[in-house]
Structure formats: structure tokens, C-alpha cells
């Protein structure tokens, strides 16, 4: 069965290394999505590789370890490995994933999208850093009536 260009399709013959997990693989010209589900169907891990032909990167989520975003080093004769780096290009990846994942099972698509959004929120919160801006004494405002009422 030939895949429609620009759409993820499931690769049905996937090597299963762990009998307690079901590994699935969805592929398009831009994405490779690998998911792992336990015997009850709960997702335990996924790896969304994107821009696979030009500058492959991956967003990985593991239920035990959280998120990891990286590039892929194809090395010379060695197998490709994940290397740290960069931020998720959400302006390109998210809309393209939504479009290309339209025909894959909804539970897979919705789970991955929810996790991408969770990763983006976590990344934003880390970037935000502190909750308050440090001011020198001369820059500080005197508490107004609102601040006095809250105390």
C-alpha cells in the first residue's frame, strides 16, 4: 500500500524487543514517530523524529525520565545516536504534525500532541526563570493600597 505524500502511515512489521511493550512506527517524508505502549495500552514512551532528510532532530518523552530534545548524529559507520541540542521548532513541527497525523489512530495523535504541548509549556516555564524581577533599592516601588490589602 503506497502512502499518500505528506501523511504519516503506520509501518506494520516492527521488531518487538520487549514482550511487555508494543512498539509502533509511523512514517512520512518528514517524520518518524515511534511509540511504546504497555500491555494495557498506556503510552510509556515516544520518539518523534522530524526533518529526517535534512537536519534530523527528535523530541523524546519517557514516562520515567520526561522530555529530551536533541539532534541525531548519524556518524560514519556507527548507528545514529541522539545528541543534546536545540529547541523544538514548534512553528513548523506542530502544524505539520497535525496535518500529517490526521489519518493515524486518534489516541496516538492526541497523546503525542498533548505531550508536545506539555513540553512547550515546560520549556517556556524554564525560560521564564524567576517570578519577579530584581530591582535595586532606588527602583523599587512602594507598596500601594492593593499590596497592603493582600497582606
N, C-alpha and C. Protein backbone atom coordinates (compact mmCIF):
# COMPACT_ATOMS: atom_id res chain seq x y z
N UNK A 1 0.84 -1.19 0.00
CA UNK A 1 0.00 0.00 0.00
C UNK A 1 0.88 1.24 0.00
N UNK A 2 0.72 2.10 -0.96
CA UNK A 2 1.52 3.31 -1.08
C UNK A 2 0.94 4.40 -0.18
N UNK A 3 1.84 5.11 0.49
CA UNK A 3 1.40 6.16 1.40
C UNK A 3 1.07 7.42 0.61
N UNK A 4 0.07 8.13 1.07
CA UNK A 4 -0.25 9.43 0.49
C UNK A 4 0.87 10.39 0.86
N UNK A 5 1.42 11.13 -0.10
CA UNK A 5 2.51 12.05 0.21
C UNK A 5 2.08 13.04 1.30
N UNK A 6 2.99 13.29 2.23
CA UNK A 6 2.71 14.24 3.29
C UNK A 6 1.80 13.72 4.39
N UNK A 7 1.62 12.42 4.47
CA UNK A 7 0.78 11.83 5.52
C UNK A 7 1.56 10.73 6.23
N UNK A 8 1.42 10.68 7.55
CA UNK A 8 2.01 9.59 8.31
C UNK A 8 1.25 8.30 8.04
N UNK A 9 1.96 7.22 7.90
CA UNK A 9 1.32 5.91 7.75
C UNK A 9 2.02 4.95 8.70
N UNK A 10 1.30 3.96 9.16
CA UNK A 10 1.87 3.01 10.11
C UNK A 10 2.64 1.92 9.37
N UNK A 11 3.85 1.65 9.83
CA UNK A 11 4.64 0.53 9.36
C UNK A 11 4.21 -0.66 10.22
N UNK A 12 3.65 -1.67 9.61
CA UNK A 12 3.02 -2.74 10.37
C UNK A 12 3.99 -3.81 10.87
N UNK A 13 5.10 -4.01 10.19
CA UNK A 13 6.05 -5.02 10.64
C UNK A 13 7.18 -4.31 11.37
N UNK A 14 7.12 -4.36 12.69
CA UNK A 14 8.09 -3.67 13.55
C UNK A 14 8.64 -4.68 14.54
N UNK A 15 9.96 -4.72 14.65
CA UNK A 15 10.59 -5.65 15.59
C UNK A 15 10.17 -5.30 17.01
N UNK A 16 9.74 -6.31 17.75
CA UNK A 16 9.30 -6.14 19.14
C UNK A 16 10.36 -6.77 20.03
N UNK A 17 11.14 -5.95 20.73
CA UNK A 17 12.24 -6.45 21.56
C UNK A 17 11.83 -6.77 22.99
N UNK A 18 10.76 -6.15 23.46
CA UNK A 18 10.34 -6.31 24.85
C UNK A 18 8.90 -6.84 24.85
N UNK A 19 8.69 -8.06 25.34
CA UNK A 19 7.34 -8.63 25.29
C UNK A 19 6.32 -7.87 26.15
N UNK A 20 6.78 -7.02 27.06
CA UNK A 20 5.85 -6.27 27.89
C UNK A 20 5.42 -4.95 27.24
N UNK A 21 6.00 -4.63 26.07
CA UNK A 21 5.69 -3.38 25.38
C UNK A 21 5.34 -3.65 23.92
N UNK A 22 4.46 -2.81 23.40
CA UNK A 22 4.14 -2.84 21.97
C UNK A 22 4.77 -1.61 21.33
N UNK A 23 5.68 -1.84 20.40
CA UNK A 23 6.34 -0.75 19.69
C UNK A 23 5.61 -0.53 18.36
N UNK A 24 5.35 0.76 18.05
CA UNK A 24 4.71 1.10 16.79
C UNK A 24 5.56 2.14 16.08
N UNK A 25 5.44 2.18 14.74
CA UNK A 25 6.23 3.08 13.92
C UNK A 25 5.33 3.70 12.86
N UNK A 26 5.31 5.01 12.83
CA UNK A 26 4.57 5.77 11.83
C UNK A 26 5.58 6.61 11.06
N UNK A 27 5.42 6.69 9.74
CA UNK A 27 6.45 7.30 8.91
C UNK A 27 5.83 8.18 7.83
N UNK A 28 6.51 9.29 7.54
CA UNK A 28 6.19 10.12 6.37
C UNK A 28 7.53 10.60 5.81
N UNK A 29 7.47 11.49 4.83
CA UNK A 29 8.72 12.01 4.29
C UNK A 29 9.40 12.98 5.25
N UNK A 30 8.70 13.48 6.26
CA UNK A 30 9.25 14.45 7.21
C UNK A 30 9.41 13.89 8.62
N UNK A 31 8.55 12.94 9.00
CA UNK A 31 8.51 12.41 10.36
C UNK A 31 8.78 10.92 10.41
N UNK A 32 9.34 10.49 11.54
CA UNK A 32 9.30 9.11 12.00
C UNK A 32 8.79 9.21 13.43
N UNK A 33 7.69 8.56 13.73
CA UNK A 33 7.13 8.54 15.08
C UNK A 33 7.17 7.12 15.59
N UNK A 34 7.85 6.93 16.72
CA UNK A 34 7.91 5.62 17.37
C UNK A 34 7.19 5.75 18.70
N UNK A 35 6.31 4.81 18.99
CA UNK A 35 5.61 4.81 20.27
C UNK A 35 5.79 3.46 20.94
N UNK A 36 5.76 3.46 22.26
CA UNK A 36 5.80 2.24 23.06
C UNK A 36 4.62 2.30 24.01
N UNK A 37 3.83 1.21 24.02
CA UNK A 37 2.68 1.12 24.90
C UNK A 37 2.81 -0.16 25.72
N UNK A 38 2.35 -0.09 26.98
CA UNK A 38 2.38 -1.30 27.80
C UNK A 38 1.21 -2.20 27.40
N UNK A 39 1.10 -3.33 28.06
CA UNK A 39 0.07 -4.30 27.68
C UNK A 39 -1.36 -3.79 27.88
N UNK A 40 -1.51 -2.79 28.76
CA UNK A 40 -2.85 -2.22 28.96
C UNK A 40 -3.16 -1.12 27.93
N UNK A 41 -2.18 -0.79 27.10
CA UNK A 41 -2.39 0.24 26.08
C UNK A 41 -1.90 1.62 26.48
N UNK A 42 -1.39 1.77 27.70
CA UNK A 42 -0.87 3.06 28.17
C UNK A 42 0.44 3.37 27.46
N UNK A 43 0.61 4.63 27.04
CA UNK A 43 1.85 5.04 26.42
C UNK A 43 2.93 5.18 27.49
N UNK A 44 4.09 4.62 27.23
CA UNK A 44 5.19 4.72 28.18
C UNK A 44 6.36 5.50 27.60
N UNK A 45 6.37 5.69 26.26
CA UNK A 45 7.46 6.41 25.63
C UNK A 45 7.07 6.73 24.19
N UNK A 46 7.61 7.84 23.68
CA UNK A 46 7.54 8.08 22.24
C UNK A 46 8.77 8.84 21.80
N UNK A 47 9.06 8.74 20.54
CA UNK A 47 10.16 9.46 19.92
C UNK A 47 9.64 10.02 18.60
N UNK A 48 9.57 11.34 18.50
CA UNK A 48 9.12 12.00 17.28
C UNK A 48 10.34 12.59 16.59
N UNK A 49 10.79 11.93 15.54
CA UNK A 49 11.91 12.42 14.74
C UNK A 49 11.32 13.27 13.62
N UNK A 50 11.95 14.42 13.37
CA UNK A 50 11.41 15.29 12.32
C UNK A 50 12.53 15.87 11.48
N UNK A 51 12.16 16.37 10.31
CA UNK A 51 13.11 16.88 9.32
C UNK A 51 14.16 15.80 9.03
N UNK A 52 13.66 14.58 8.82
CA UNK A 52 14.53 13.40 8.78
C UNK A 52 15.52 13.41 7.62
N UNK A 53 15.22 14.09 6.54
CA UNK A 53 16.14 14.09 5.40
C UNK A 53 17.20 15.18 5.45
N UNK A 54 16.93 16.29 6.13
CA UNK A 54 17.85 17.42 6.08
C UNK A 54 18.65 17.62 7.36
N UNK A 55 17.96 17.81 8.48
CA UNK A 55 18.64 18.10 9.75
C UNK A 55 17.86 17.41 10.86
N UNK A 56 17.95 16.09 10.90
CA UNK A 56 17.09 15.30 11.78
C UNK A 56 17.27 15.68 13.25
N UNK A 57 16.12 15.89 13.90
CA UNK A 57 16.06 16.13 15.34
C UNK A 57 14.94 15.29 15.90
N UNK A 58 14.89 15.18 17.22
CA UNK A 58 13.87 14.34 17.83
C UNK A 58 13.41 14.91 19.16
N UNK A 59 12.12 14.78 19.41
CA UNK A 59 11.56 15.04 20.72
C UNK A 59 11.23 13.68 21.30
N UNK A 60 11.81 13.40 22.46
CA UNK A 60 11.61 12.11 23.11
C UNK A 60 10.91 12.36 24.44
N UNK A 61 9.89 11.54 24.71
CA UNK A 61 9.24 11.57 26.02
C UNK A 61 9.26 10.15 26.56
N UNK A 62 9.66 10.05 27.81
CA UNK A 62 9.67 8.78 28.51
C UNK A 62 8.93 9.00 29.83
N UNK A 63 7.98 8.15 30.14
CA UNK A 63 7.20 8.29 31.36
C UNK A 63 8.04 8.34 32.62
N UNK A 64 9.21 7.75 32.59
CA UNK A 64 10.09 7.75 33.76
C UNK A 64 11.04 8.93 33.76
N UNK A 65 11.49 9.35 32.58
CA UNK A 65 12.53 10.38 32.50
C UNK A 65 12.11 11.72 31.97
N UNK A 66 10.87 11.86 31.51
CA UNK A 66 10.41 13.14 31.00
C UNK A 66 10.84 13.38 29.56
N UNK A 67 11.07 14.66 29.23
CA UNK A 67 11.34 15.07 27.86
C UNK A 67 12.84 15.22 27.60
N UNK A 68 13.17 15.04 26.33
CA UNK A 68 14.52 15.23 25.86
C UNK A 68 14.41 15.66 24.41
N UNK A 69 15.01 16.77 24.05
CA UNK A 69 15.01 17.21 22.66
C UNK A 69 16.44 17.22 22.18
N UNK A 70 16.65 16.75 20.96
CA UNK A 70 18.02 16.60 20.50
C UNK A 70 18.13 16.57 19.00
N UNK A 71 19.36 16.46 18.57
CA UNK A 71 19.66 16.22 17.17
C UNK A 71 20.05 14.76 17.02
N UNK A 72 20.26 14.36 15.82
CA UNK A 72 20.69 12.99 15.57
C UNK A 72 22.03 13.04 14.86
N UNK A 73 23.01 12.35 15.42
CA UNK A 73 24.33 12.25 14.80
C UNK A 73 24.39 10.91 14.09
N UNK A 74 24.46 10.96 12.78
CA UNK A 74 24.47 9.73 12.01
C UNK A 74 25.84 9.07 11.98
N UNK A 75 26.87 9.82 12.39
CA UNK A 75 28.21 9.24 12.46
C UNK A 75 28.63 8.61 11.15
N UNK A 76 29.83 8.13 11.11
CA UNK A 76 30.33 7.48 9.90
C UNK A 76 29.71 6.11 9.73
N UNK A 77 30.29 5.13 10.37
CA UNK A 77 29.81 3.76 10.23
C UNK A 77 28.99 3.31 11.42
N UNK A 78 28.89 4.17 12.42
CA UNK A 78 28.15 3.81 13.63
C UNK A 78 26.66 4.04 13.42
N UNK A 79 25.86 3.41 14.26
CA UNK A 79 24.41 3.63 14.22
C UNK A 79 24.11 5.05 14.68
N UNK A 80 23.05 5.66 14.17
CA UNK A 80 22.69 7.02 14.60
C UNK A 80 22.44 7.07 16.10
N UNK A 81 22.88 8.16 16.74
CA UNK A 81 22.65 8.35 18.17
C UNK A 81 22.07 9.73 18.41
N UNK A 82 21.34 9.86 19.51
CA UNK A 82 20.76 11.15 19.88
C UNK A 82 21.80 11.98 20.61
N UNK A 83 21.90 13.25 20.25
CA UNK A 83 22.83 14.17 20.91
C UNK A 83 22.05 15.40 21.35
N UNK A 84 22.38 15.96 22.52
CA UNK A 84 21.61 17.10 23.03
C UNK A 84 21.70 18.31 22.12
N UNK A 85 20.65 19.09 22.12
CA UNK A 85 20.76 20.35 21.42
C UNK A 85 19.48 20.90 20.86
N UNK A 86 19.41 22.22 20.90
CA UNK A 86 18.36 22.94 20.22
C UNK A 86 17.01 22.90 20.89
N UNK A 87 16.14 23.75 20.36
CA UNK A 87 14.76 23.76 20.85
C UNK A 87 13.85 23.27 19.75
N UNK A 88 12.71 22.80 20.13
CA UNK A 88 11.72 22.30 19.19
C UNK A 88 11.21 23.45 18.34
N UNK A 89 11.27 23.31 17.04
CA UNK A 89 10.76 24.32 16.11
C UNK A 89 9.25 24.15 16.02
N UNK A 90 8.56 24.61 17.06
CA UNK A 90 7.12 24.35 17.17
C UNK A 90 6.31 25.02 16.07
N UNK A 91 6.77 26.14 15.54
CA UNK A 91 6.05 26.83 14.49
C UNK A 91 5.96 26.02 13.20
N UNK A 92 6.92 25.14 13.00
CA UNK A 92 6.92 24.26 11.83
C UNK A 92 6.39 22.88 12.18
N UNK A 93 6.91 22.31 13.28
CA UNK A 93 6.64 20.91 13.61
C UNK A 93 5.18 20.67 13.99
N UNK A 94 4.62 21.51 14.84
CA UNK A 94 3.26 21.26 15.33
C UNK A 94 2.22 21.31 14.21
N UNK A 95 2.16 22.38 13.42
CA UNK A 95 1.14 22.38 12.36
C UNK A 95 1.35 21.26 11.33
N UNK A 96 2.61 20.96 11.07
CA UNK A 96 2.86 19.89 10.10
C UNK A 96 2.47 18.54 10.67
N UNK A 97 2.74 18.34 11.96
CA UNK A 97 2.33 17.07 12.58
C UNK A 97 0.81 16.94 12.57
N UNK A 98 0.12 18.01 12.91
CA UNK A 98 -1.36 17.98 12.90
C UNK A 98 -1.86 17.57 11.52
N UNK A 99 -1.30 18.15 10.50
CA UNK A 99 -1.72 17.86 9.12
C UNK A 99 -1.38 16.42 8.72
N UNK A 100 -0.12 16.01 9.00
CA UNK A 100 0.32 14.69 8.55
C UNK A 100 -0.22 13.54 9.39
N UNK A 101 -0.63 13.83 10.63
CA UNK A 101 -1.11 12.78 11.53
C UNK A 101 -2.63 12.63 11.49
N UNK A 102 -3.28 13.31 10.57
CA UNK A 102 -4.75 13.30 10.52
C UNK A 102 -5.32 11.90 10.39
N UNK A 103 -4.61 10.99 9.73
CA UNK A 103 -5.16 9.67 9.46
C UNK A 103 -4.63 8.55 10.36
N UNK A 104 -3.75 8.88 11.31
CA UNK A 104 -3.28 7.83 12.22
C UNK A 104 -4.29 7.70 13.36
N UNK A 105 -4.24 6.60 14.13
CA UNK A 105 -5.22 6.44 15.22
C UNK A 105 -5.26 7.67 16.14
N UNK A 106 -6.47 8.10 16.45
CA UNK A 106 -6.66 9.32 17.24
C UNK A 106 -5.94 9.26 18.59
N UNK A 107 -5.95 8.08 19.24
CA UNK A 107 -5.31 8.00 20.56
C UNK A 107 -3.81 8.26 20.47
N UNK A 108 -3.18 7.87 19.37
CA UNK A 108 -1.75 8.12 19.17
C UNK A 108 -1.53 9.61 18.89
N UNK A 109 -2.25 10.13 17.91
CA UNK A 109 -2.12 11.53 17.52
C UNK A 109 -2.38 12.46 18.70
N UNK A 110 -3.48 12.24 19.40
CA UNK A 110 -3.85 13.13 20.50
C UNK A 110 -2.86 13.06 21.65
N UNK A 111 -2.35 11.86 21.94
CA UNK A 111 -1.37 11.71 23.01
C UNK A 111 -0.09 12.47 22.67
N UNK A 112 0.40 12.29 21.46
CA UNK A 112 1.65 12.95 21.06
C UNK A 112 1.46 14.47 21.05
N UNK A 113 0.36 14.95 20.52
CA UNK A 113 0.10 16.40 20.52
C UNK A 113 0.03 16.96 21.94
N UNK A 114 -0.62 16.24 22.83
CA UNK A 114 -0.71 16.70 24.23
C UNK A 114 0.68 16.77 24.85
N UNK A 115 1.51 15.80 24.56
CA UNK A 115 2.87 15.79 25.11
C UNK A 115 3.74 16.87 24.49
N UNK A 116 3.56 17.14 23.20
CA UNK A 116 4.30 18.25 22.58
C UNK A 116 3.93 19.55 23.27
N UNK A 117 2.64 19.76 23.48
CA UNK A 117 2.19 20.99 24.16
C UNK A 117 2.75 21.06 25.59
N UNK A 118 2.75 19.93 26.28
CA UNK A 118 3.31 19.89 27.64
C UNK A 118 4.79 20.26 27.61
N UNK A 119 5.53 19.73 26.64
CA UNK A 119 6.95 20.06 26.51
C UNK A 119 7.15 21.56 26.26
N UNK A 120 6.33 22.13 25.38
CA UNK A 120 6.45 23.56 25.08
C UNK A 120 6.17 24.42 26.31
N UNK A 121 5.17 24.03 27.10
CA UNK A 121 4.86 24.77 28.33
C UNK A 121 6.00 24.65 29.32
N UNK A 122 6.53 23.43 29.50
CA UNK A 122 7.67 23.24 30.41
C UNK A 122 8.87 24.06 29.97
N UNK A 123 9.15 24.06 28.68
CA UNK A 123 10.30 24.82 28.15
C UNK A 123 10.09 26.30 28.40
N UNK A 124 8.87 26.78 28.19
CA UNK A 124 8.57 28.20 28.41
C UNK A 124 8.73 28.56 29.89
N UNK A 125 8.25 27.70 30.77
CA UNK A 125 8.34 27.98 32.20
C UNK A 125 9.81 28.02 32.65
N UNK A 126 10.63 27.11 32.13
CA UNK A 126 12.06 27.12 32.47
C UNK A 126 12.71 28.40 31.98
N UNK A 127 12.33 28.84 30.79
CA UNK A 127 12.90 30.05 30.22
C UNK A 127 12.48 31.27 31.03
N UNK A 128 11.29 31.23 31.57
CA UNK A 128 10.79 32.36 32.34
C UNK A 128 11.63 32.60 33.59
N UNK A 129 12.19 31.51 34.13
CA UNK A 129 13.06 31.67 35.29
C UNK A 129 12.34 32.19 36.50
N UNK A 130 12.82 33.29 37.02
CA UNK A 130 12.24 33.82 38.24
C UNK A 130 10.87 34.42 38.02
N UNK A 131 10.14 34.49 39.11
CA UNK A 131 8.80 35.04 39.06
C UNK A 131 8.82 36.57 39.16
N UNK A 132 9.88 37.09 39.77
CA UNK A 132 9.97 38.54 39.99
C UNK A 132 11.26 39.07 39.42
N UNK A 133 11.22 40.31 39.00
CA UNK A 133 12.41 40.98 38.51
C UNK A 133 13.13 41.59 39.70
N UNK A 134 14.45 41.41 39.74
CA UNK A 134 15.22 42.05 40.82
C UNK A 134 15.38 43.53 40.51
N UNK A 135 15.12 44.33 41.49
CA UNK A 135 15.28 45.79 41.33
C UNK A 135 16.25 46.28 42.40
N UNK A 136 17.01 47.26 42.02
CA UNK A 136 17.84 47.92 43.02
C UNK A 136 16.92 48.72 43.92
N UNK A 137 17.43 49.10 45.09
CA UNK A 137 16.59 49.80 46.07
C UNK A 137 15.91 51.02 45.47
N UNK A 138 16.64 51.80 44.69
CA UNK A 138 16.08 53.03 44.14
C UNK A 138 15.00 52.75 43.08
N UNK A 139 14.98 51.52 42.55
CA UNK A 139 13.99 51.18 41.52
C UNK A 139 12.70 50.60 42.12
N UNK A 140 12.74 50.23 43.38
CA UNK A 140 11.59 49.55 43.98
C UNK A 140 10.43 50.49 44.18
N UNK A 141 9.25 49.95 43.99
CA UNK A 141 8.03 50.72 44.20
C UNK A 141 7.61 50.58 45.66
N UNK A 142 6.97 51.59 46.14
CA UNK A 142 6.40 51.50 47.48
C UNK A 142 5.10 50.71 47.36
N UNK A 143 4.82 49.86 48.35
CA UNK A 143 3.57 49.08 48.29
C UNK A 143 2.37 50.02 48.19
N UNK A 144 1.53 49.73 47.24
CA UNK A 144 0.32 50.53 47.05
C UNK A 144 -0.82 49.96 47.87
N UNK A 145 -2.00 50.55 47.75
CA UNK A 145 -3.16 50.09 48.52
C UNK A 145 -3.50 48.62 48.23
N UNK A 146 -3.32 48.19 46.99
CA UNK A 146 -3.64 46.79 46.65
C UNK A 146 -2.72 45.84 47.39
N UNK A 147 -1.42 46.12 47.40
CA UNK A 147 -0.45 45.26 48.08
C UNK A 147 -0.73 45.24 49.58
N UNK A 148 -1.11 46.38 50.13
CA UNK A 148 -1.41 46.45 51.57
C UNK A 148 -2.62 45.59 51.91
N UNK A 149 -3.64 45.59 51.06
CA UNK A 149 -4.84 44.78 51.29
C UNK A 149 -4.54 43.30 51.23
N UNK A 150 -3.60 42.88 50.35
CA UNK A 150 -3.29 41.46 50.19
C UNK A 150 -2.52 40.93 51.39
N UNK A 151 -1.84 41.78 52.13
CA UNK A 151 -1.06 41.32 53.29
C UNK A 151 -1.86 41.22 54.50
